[in-house]
Amino acid sequence: MMGDRAIAGIVAAVGAVAAMVGCSRTEPPETASQTVPAAAASAQPATGPSGQATASANAAQPAPGSEEFGMSVRQLVESIEKVEALISACMREQGFEYVAVDAETVRKGMAANKTLPGMSEEEFVGKYGFGVATTYTGQPPQLATGYNPAKVGLGARNVEIYRKLSPADQVAYNRALFGENTGATFAVGLEAEDFSQTGGCTRRSIEQVFQRDQLQANYYNPKDAIVNKHPRMKEALQAYAAEMRKAGFSYTHPDEVEPDIQDRLNALTSGGTVLVESMSAEQRAALKELQNYERRVAAKTFELQQEIIDPAEEKILEEMFARKPE
């Protein structure tokens, strides 16, 4: 565990990328299965007749941490350190070398999501959608040559260790580290606030640091759990769903879209185990169709996120916590 001075140094280093990694998620309709932390439930604001938070509640309402899973920057750094140390120990037990990745490198992997040098997020979405099917190769992240946040978050030393292994040992290494899904790295799951796809030593280590409800796919951090019960957000989501229907899409919530693309890709590629060069003509055609669909639905979702969802969230946070979203 790092001392206060070391943590302060990392906090300063990662602060510059914190805004890039904003992982604001909004809660699906109340009919969906949900996991809401007790802290979020106890933090619900008092409301007046119109359903808006009262001024007295606003004044007394403490804002949850602005980082993933409602943590402060310090808490996030400490959690990353603990998980990475546990992954390293677990891999040693499996007979492999894994160097615990520092918090700054993990955050770089998180910040790499939907970004490329010299390209804005809007430009990225227009060209690659969510970067799911559009960047799929079937290769493990350590062998990726293009866009791959998972590779960034693993750190250069671990990539080098992997590449020096024989092909058979590479397969065994990633099975030990990731389980069945090589794309479900710690950094990727942390950025998405979704550890449900993780496996192997990664999952085992996460389970020792994060709470049980935080391991579920339907988890929402305390801030988002509060925001999404607000009448203003419910109205925004209704407007989002209506606009998506007009565009020919059946999604009712922005958080439904990217996981759906991932599920479709997994079905097409047997969980990401089929190399593109090994695909049949029919599989290649299906992949191309999915890639085109991803670009279209991602562009529309990004547009509506900017026009409808984000302004509603900003207003809610100003009302409830006297601050803009971070």
Protein backbone atom coordinates (compact mmCIF):
# COMPACT_ATOMS: atom_id res chain seq x y z
CA MET A 1 0.00 0.00 0.00
CA MET A 2 1.34 3.43 -0.92
CA GLY A 3 1.85 6.21 1.62
CA ASP A 4 -0.01 9.52 1.63
CA ARG A 5 2.75 11.30 -0.31
CA ALA A 6 2.78 8.66 -3.07
CA ILE A 7 -0.99 8.67 -3.32
CA ALA A 8 -1.01 12.45 -3.54
CA GLY A 9 1.40 12.22 -6.47
CA ILE A 10 -0.80 9.76 -8.32
CA VAL A 11 -3.92 11.79 -7.58
CA ALA A 12 -2.26 14.78 -9.24
CA ALA A 13 -1.15 12.67 -12.20
CA VAL A 14 -4.53 11.09 -12.85
CA GLY A 15 -6.50 14.26 -12.23
CA ALA A 16 -5.73 15.42 -15.76
CA VAL A 17 -7.46 12.40 -17.26
CA ALA A 18 -10.34 12.14 -14.80
CA ALA A 19 -12.61 14.26 -16.96
CA MET A 20 -11.89 12.02 -19.94
CA VAL A 21 -12.99 8.97 -18.05
CA GLY A 22 -16.35 10.23 -16.82
CA CYS A 23 -18.40 7.16 -16.50
CA SER A 24 -21.81 8.64 -15.98
CA ARG A 25 -24.43 5.96 -16.35
CA THR A 26 -28.16 6.40 -16.18
CA GLU A 27 -30.49 3.83 -14.77
CA PRO A 28 -32.79 1.73 -16.98
CA PRO A 29 -36.54 1.96 -16.49
CA GLU A 30 -37.75 0.87 -13.07
CA THR A 31 -39.21 -2.33 -14.48
CA ALA A 32 -35.70 -3.66 -15.00
CA SER A 33 -33.84 -5.65 -12.37
CA GLN A 34 -31.66 -3.24 -10.42
CA THR A 35 -29.02 -3.28 -7.75
CA VAL A 36 -28.96 -0.01 -5.83
CA PRO A 37 -26.49 0.36 -2.96
CA ALA A 38 -27.89 1.12 0.47
CA ALA A 39 -25.92 4.35 0.48
CA ALA A 40 -27.81 5.53 -2.57
CA ALA A 41 -31.18 4.59 -1.13
CA SER A 42 -30.49 6.45 2.09
CA ALA A 43 -29.36 9.51 0.16
CA GLN A 44 -32.63 10.12 -1.68
CA PRO A 45 -33.58 13.81 -1.51
CA ALA A 46 -36.78 15.10 0.01
CA THR A 47 -39.16 16.30 -2.70
CA GLY A 48 -41.90 18.85 -2.86
CA PRO A 49 -45.32 18.50 -4.51
CA SER A 50 -43.79 18.89 -7.98
CA GLY A 51 -41.31 16.09 -7.38
CA GLN A 52 -38.33 18.45 -7.32
CA ALA A 53 -35.74 18.25 -4.55
CA THR A 54 -36.31 20.80 -1.80
CA ALA A 55 -33.74 23.48 -1.04
CA SER A 56 -33.18 22.20 2.51
CA ALA A 57 -32.49 18.71 1.18
CA ASN A 58 -30.04 20.16 -1.34
CA ALA A 59 -28.12 21.92 1.40
CA ALA A 60 -27.83 18.78 3.52
CA GLN A 61 -27.15 16.35 0.66
CA PRO A 62 -23.52 15.19 0.52
CA ALA A 63 -22.31 14.52 -3.01
CA PRO A 64 -21.06 10.97 -3.69
CA GLY A 65 -17.52 10.55 -4.97
CA SER A 66 -17.11 11.56 -8.61
CA GLU A 67 -15.07 8.51 -9.64
CA GLU A 68 -16.24 5.05 -10.70
CA PHE A 69 -18.45 3.19 -8.20
CA GLY A 70 -18.97 6.47 -6.31
CA MET A 71 -15.41 6.53 -5.00
CA SER A 72 -13.15 9.49 -4.38
CA VAL A 73 -9.91 9.71 -6.36
CA ARG A 74 -7.97 8.44 -3.34
CA GLN A 75 -10.32 5.50 -2.84
CA LEU A 76 -10.08 4.61 -6.50
CA VAL A 77 -6.27 4.66 -6.45
CA GLU A 78 -6.19 2.45 -3.37
CA SER A 79 -8.68 -0.01 -4.87
CA ILE A 80 -6.65 -0.26 -8.07
CA GLU A 81 -3.50 -0.95 -6.06
CA LYS A 82 -5.16 -3.70 -4.03
CA VAL A 83 -6.68 -5.46 -7.05
CA GLU A 84 -3.47 -5.33 -9.07
CA ALA A 85 -1.41 -6.74 -6.19
CA LEU A 86 -3.89 -9.58 -5.81
CA ILE A 87 -3.86 -10.32 -9.56
CA SER A 88 -0.06 -10.56 -9.45
CA ALA A 89 -0.15 -12.98 -6.52
CA CYS A 90 -2.89 -15.07 -8.12
CA MET A 91 -0.97 -15.36 -11.39
CA ARG A 92 2.13 -16.48 -9.50
CA GLU A 93 0.06 -19.27 -7.97
CA GLN A 94 -0.89 -20.28 -11.51
CA GLY A 95 2.77 -20.36 -12.54
CA PHE A 96 2.82 -17.12 -14.52
CA GLU A 97 4.44 -13.72 -14.14
CA TYR A 98 2.22 -10.67 -13.93
CA VAL A 99 3.48 -7.27 -12.83
CA ALA A 100 0.99 -5.30 -10.73
CA VAL A 101 -0.01 -2.28 -12.82
CA ASP A 102 0.14 1.17 -11.24
CA ALA A 103 -2.98 3.29 -10.91
CA GLU A 104 -1.90 5.80 -13.54
CA THR A 105 -1.54 3.07 -16.19
CA VAL A 106 -4.93 1.58 -15.33
CA ARG A 107 -6.48 5.05 -15.63
CA LYS A 108 -4.81 5.51 -19.01
CA GLY A 109 -6.51 2.32 -20.14
CA MET A 110 -9.82 3.63 -18.86
CA ALA A 111 -9.30 6.98 -20.58
CA ALA A 112 -8.46 5.22 -23.87
CA ASN A 113 -12.08 4.11 -24.24
CA LYS A 114 -13.57 5.66 -27.41
CA THR A 115 -10.54 7.86 -27.99
CA LEU A 116 -7.66 7.95 -30.44
CA PRO A 117 -4.90 10.56 -30.76
CA GLY A 118 -6.08 13.61 -32.65
CA MET A 119 -9.70 12.42 -32.71
CA SER A 120 -12.56 13.76 -30.59
CA GLU A 121 -15.08 11.38 -29.06
CA GLU A 122 -17.68 12.52 -31.57
CA GLU A 123 -15.30 11.78 -34.45
CA PHE A 124 -14.44 8.41 -32.95
CA VAL A 125 -18.10 7.47 -32.59
CA GLY A 126 -18.79 8.52 -36.16
CA LYS A 127 -16.01 6.30 -37.50
CA TYR A 128 -15.93 3.39 -35.05
CA GLY A 129 -19.20 3.54 -33.12
CA PHE A 130 -18.45 2.17 -29.65
CA GLY A 131 -15.28 0.47 -30.86
CA VAL A 132 -16.77 -2.98 -30.25
CA ALA A 133 -17.53 -4.85 -33.49
CA THR A 134 -15.84 -2.18 -35.59
CA THR A 135 -12.43 -2.90 -34.06
CA TYR A 136 -12.83 -6.64 -33.60
CA THR A 137 -9.95 -8.88 -34.76
CA GLY A 138 -10.25 -11.95 -32.54
CA GLN A 139 -6.71 -11.41 -31.28
CA PRO A 140 -6.01 -11.25 -27.52
CA PRO A 141 -5.45 -7.67 -26.30
CA GLN A 142 -1.70 -8.16 -25.85
CA LEU A 143 -1.31 -8.78 -29.59
CA ALA A 144 -3.48 -5.86 -30.72
CA THR A 145 -1.85 -3.40 -33.10
CA GLY A 146 -4.57 -0.76 -33.27
CA TYR A 147 -7.18 0.69 -30.93
CA ASN A 148 -7.41 -1.44 -27.79
CA PRO A 149 -8.01 0.12 -24.32
CA ALA A 150 -7.60 -3.32 -22.73
CA LYS A 151 -4.00 -3.49 -23.94
CA VAL A 152 -3.24 0.00 -22.60
CA GLY A 153 -4.56 -0.90 -19.15
CA LEU A 154 -2.44 -4.05 -18.94
CA GLY A 155 0.77 -2.05 -19.11
CA ALA A 156 3.78 -2.47 -21.39
CA ARG A 157 5.62 -4.92 -19.11
CA ASN A 158 2.77 -7.41 -18.99
CA VAL A 159 2.31 -7.17 -22.75
CA GLU A 160 5.99 -7.96 -23.17
CA ILE A 161 5.79 -10.92 -20.77
CA TYR A 162 2.86 -12.34 -22.73
CA ARG A 163 4.49 -11.94 -26.12
CA LYS A 164 7.56 -13.91 -25.03
CA LEU A 165 5.43 -16.96 -24.23
CA SER A 166 4.86 -19.86 -26.61
CA PRO A 167 1.44 -19.92 -28.34
CA ALA A 168 0.26 -22.70 -26.02
CA ASP A 169 1.44 -20.82 -22.93
CA GLN A 170 -0.21 -17.64 -24.18
CA VAL A 171 -3.56 -19.44 -24.25
CA ALA A 172 -3.01 -20.79 -20.74
CA TYR A 173 -1.80 -17.40 -19.48
CA ASN A 174 -4.90 -15.56 -20.65
CA ARG A 175 -7.18 -18.30 -19.37
CA ALA A 176 -5.58 -17.88 -15.95
CA LEU A 177 -5.73 -14.08 -16.11
CA PHE A 178 -9.12 -13.47 -17.75
CA GLY A 179 -11.07 -16.72 -17.78
CA GLU A 180 -13.16 -17.13 -20.94
CA ASN A 181 -13.37 -13.47 -21.99
CA THR A 182 -9.98 -11.97 -22.88
CA GLY A 183 -11.52 -8.55 -23.44
CA ALA A 184 -12.82 -8.28 -19.87
CA THR A 185 -9.73 -6.74 -18.28
CA PHE A 186 -9.75 -4.95 -14.94
CA ALA A 187 -9.36 -1.50 -16.54
CA VAL A 188 -12.18 -2.15 -19.03
CA GLY A 189 -14.57 -3.35 -16.31
CA LEU A 190 -13.64 -0.49 -14.01
CA GLU A 191 -14.28 2.15 -16.66
CA ALA A 192 -17.65 0.60 -17.53
CA GLU A 193 -18.53 -0.04 -13.87
CA ASP A 194 -19.33 -3.58 -14.98
CA PHE A 195 -17.28 -6.52 -13.73
CA SER A 196 -19.87 -9.13 -14.72
CA GLN A 197 -17.82 -10.43 -17.66
CA THR A 198 -14.52 -10.78 -15.78
CA GLY A 199 -13.02 -14.15 -14.92
CA GLY A 200 -9.83 -15.89 -13.83
CA CYS A 201 -7.43 -14.13 -11.50
CA THR A 202 -8.94 -10.80 -12.49
CA ARG A 203 -12.35 -11.75 -11.15
CA ARG A 204 -10.95 -13.47 -8.08
CA SER A 205 -8.98 -10.36 -7.16
CA ILE A 206 -11.85 -7.94 -7.80
CA GLU A 207 -14.11 -10.00 -5.52
CA GLN A 208 -11.71 -9.42 -2.63
CA VAL A 209 -11.77 -5.62 -2.99
CA PHE A 210 -15.18 -4.60 -4.33
CA GLN A 211 -18.56 -5.21 -2.73
CA ARG A 212 -20.83 -8.00 -3.91
CA ASP A 213 -23.44 -5.67 -5.42
CA GLN A 214 -20.69 -3.90 -7.38
CA LEU A 215 -19.94 -7.15 -9.20
CA GLN A 216 -23.40 -7.30 -10.77
CA ALA A 217 -24.11 -6.17 -14.35
CA ASN A 218 -27.07 -4.09 -13.14
CA TYR A 219 -25.04 -2.09 -10.61
CA TYR A 220 -25.34 1.71 -10.60
CA ASN A 221 -23.05 3.90 -8.53
CA PRO A 222 -24.64 6.02 -5.78
CA LYS A 223 -24.68 9.25 -7.76
CA ASP A 224 -26.36 7.69 -10.79
CA ALA A 225 -28.80 5.73 -8.65
CA ILE A 226 -29.97 9.00 -7.13
CA VAL A 227 -30.02 10.96 -10.39
CA ASN A 228 -32.05 8.35 -12.24
CA LYS A 229 -34.93 8.41 -9.78
CA HIS A 230 -35.41 12.11 -10.44
CA PRO A 231 -38.53 13.05 -12.47
CA ARG A 232 -36.43 15.19 -14.80
CA MET A 233 -34.33 12.18 -15.81
CA LYS A 234 -37.38 9.99 -16.27
CA GLU A 235 -38.75 12.57 -18.70
CA ALA A 236 -35.41 12.72 -20.49
CA LEU A 237 -35.37 8.96 -20.91
CA GLN A 238 -38.88 8.99 -22.34
CA ALA A 239 -37.77 11.58 -24.87
CA TYR A 240 -34.67 9.51 -25.68
CA ALA A 241 -36.73 6.38 -26.29
CA ALA A 242 -39.15 8.26 -28.55
CA GLU A 243 -36.33 9.68 -30.67
CA MET A 244 -34.67 6.28 -30.95
CA ARG A 245 -37.94 4.77 -32.20
CA LYS A 246 -38.14 7.48 -34.85
CA ALA A 247 -34.64 6.50 -35.97
CA GLY A 248 -35.62 2.83 -36.19
CA PHE A 249 -34.07 1.60 -32.94
CA SER A 250 -35.91 -0.08 -30.07
CA TYR A 251 -33.68 0.99 -27.19
CA THR A 252 -35.23 2.83 -24.26
CA HIS A 253 -32.02 3.75 -22.47
CA PRO A 254 -28.49 4.72 -23.58
CA ASP A 255 -26.95 2.04 -21.33
CA GLU A 256 -28.71 -0.70 -23.28
CA VAL A 257 -26.99 -0.02 -26.58
CA GLU A 258 -23.30 -0.86 -26.23
CA PRO A 259 -23.94 -4.08 -24.21
CA ASP A 260 -26.35 -5.19 -26.94
CA ILE A 261 -23.64 -4.70 -29.58
CA GLN A 262 -21.24 -6.71 -27.42
CA ASP A 263 -23.80 -9.50 -26.99
CA ARG A 264 -24.39 -9.67 -30.74
CA LEU A 265 -20.66 -9.78 -31.40
CA ASN A 266 -20.16 -12.52 -28.80
CA ALA A 267 -22.88 -14.60 -30.46
CA LEU A 268 -21.24 -14.14 -33.85
CA THR A 269 -17.70 -14.89 -32.69
CA SER A 270 -18.31 -17.56 -30.00
CA GLY A 271 -17.38 -15.13 -27.26
CA GLY A 272 -14.61 -13.43 -29.16
CA THR A 273 -12.66 -16.59 -29.96
CA VAL A 274 -12.93 -16.51 -33.77
CA LEU A 275 -10.19 -14.73 -35.69
CA VAL A 276 -11.43 -12.49 -38.48
CA GLU A 277 -9.11 -14.20 -40.96
CA SER A 278 -10.64 -17.56 -39.99
CA MET A 279 -14.25 -16.46 -40.52
CA SER A 280 -16.44 -17.92 -43.23
CA ALA A 281 -17.88 -15.66 -45.92
CA GLU A 282 -21.20 -15.66 -44.08
CA GLN A 283 -19.56 -14.66 -40.79
CA ARG A 284 -17.63 -11.86 -42.47
CA ALA A 285 -20.83 -10.54 -44.02
CA ALA A 286 -22.61 -10.70 -40.66
CA LEU A 287 -19.72 -8.89 -38.97
CA LYS A 288 -19.77 -6.13 -41.57
CA GLU A 289 -23.52 -5.74 -41.10
CA LEU A 290 -23.09 -5.51 -37.33
CA GLN A 291 -20.29 -2.94 -37.73
CA ASN A 292 -22.50 -0.73 -39.90
CA TYR A 293 -25.35 -1.06 -37.41
CA GLU A 294 -23.01 -0.17 -34.56
CA ARG A 295 -21.88 3.03 -36.28
CA ARG A 296 -25.45 4.15 -36.93
CA VAL A 297 -26.87 3.40 -33.48
CA ALA A 298 -23.81 4.79 -31.70
CA ALA A 299 -24.00 8.06 -33.63
CA LYS A 300 -27.69 8.48 -32.78
CA THR A 301 -27.12 7.58 -29.14
CA PHE A 302 -24.24 10.05 -28.88
CA GLU A 303 -26.40 12.78 -30.41
CA LEU A 304 -29.28 12.19 -27.99
CA GLN A 305 -26.91 11.85 -25.04
CA GLN A 306 -25.58 15.33 -25.80
CA GLU A 307 -28.98 16.88 -26.52
CA ILE A 308 -31.23 15.23 -23.92
CA ILE A 309 -29.55 13.08 -21.27
CA ASP A 310 -26.48 15.13 -20.33
CA PRO A 311 -28.35 18.46 -19.93
CA ALA A 312 -30.92 16.76 -17.69
CA GLU A 313 -28.22 15.20 -15.53
CA GLU A 314 -26.33 18.48 -15.25
CA LYS A 315 -29.45 20.29 -14.06
CA ILE A 316 -30.26 17.55 -11.55
CA LEU A 317 -26.77 17.63 -10.07
CA GLU A 318 -26.88 21.40 -9.79
CA GLU A 319 -30.18 21.14 -7.92
CA MET A 320 -29.20 18.26 -5.66
CA PHE A 321 -25.50 18.77 -4.99
CA ALA A 322 -24.87 22.38 -6.06
CA ARG A 323 -22.34 21.19 -8.64
CA LYS A 324 -22.06 20.21 -12.27
CA PRO A 325 -21.31 16.58 -13.21
CA GLU A 326 -17.60 15.68 -13.17
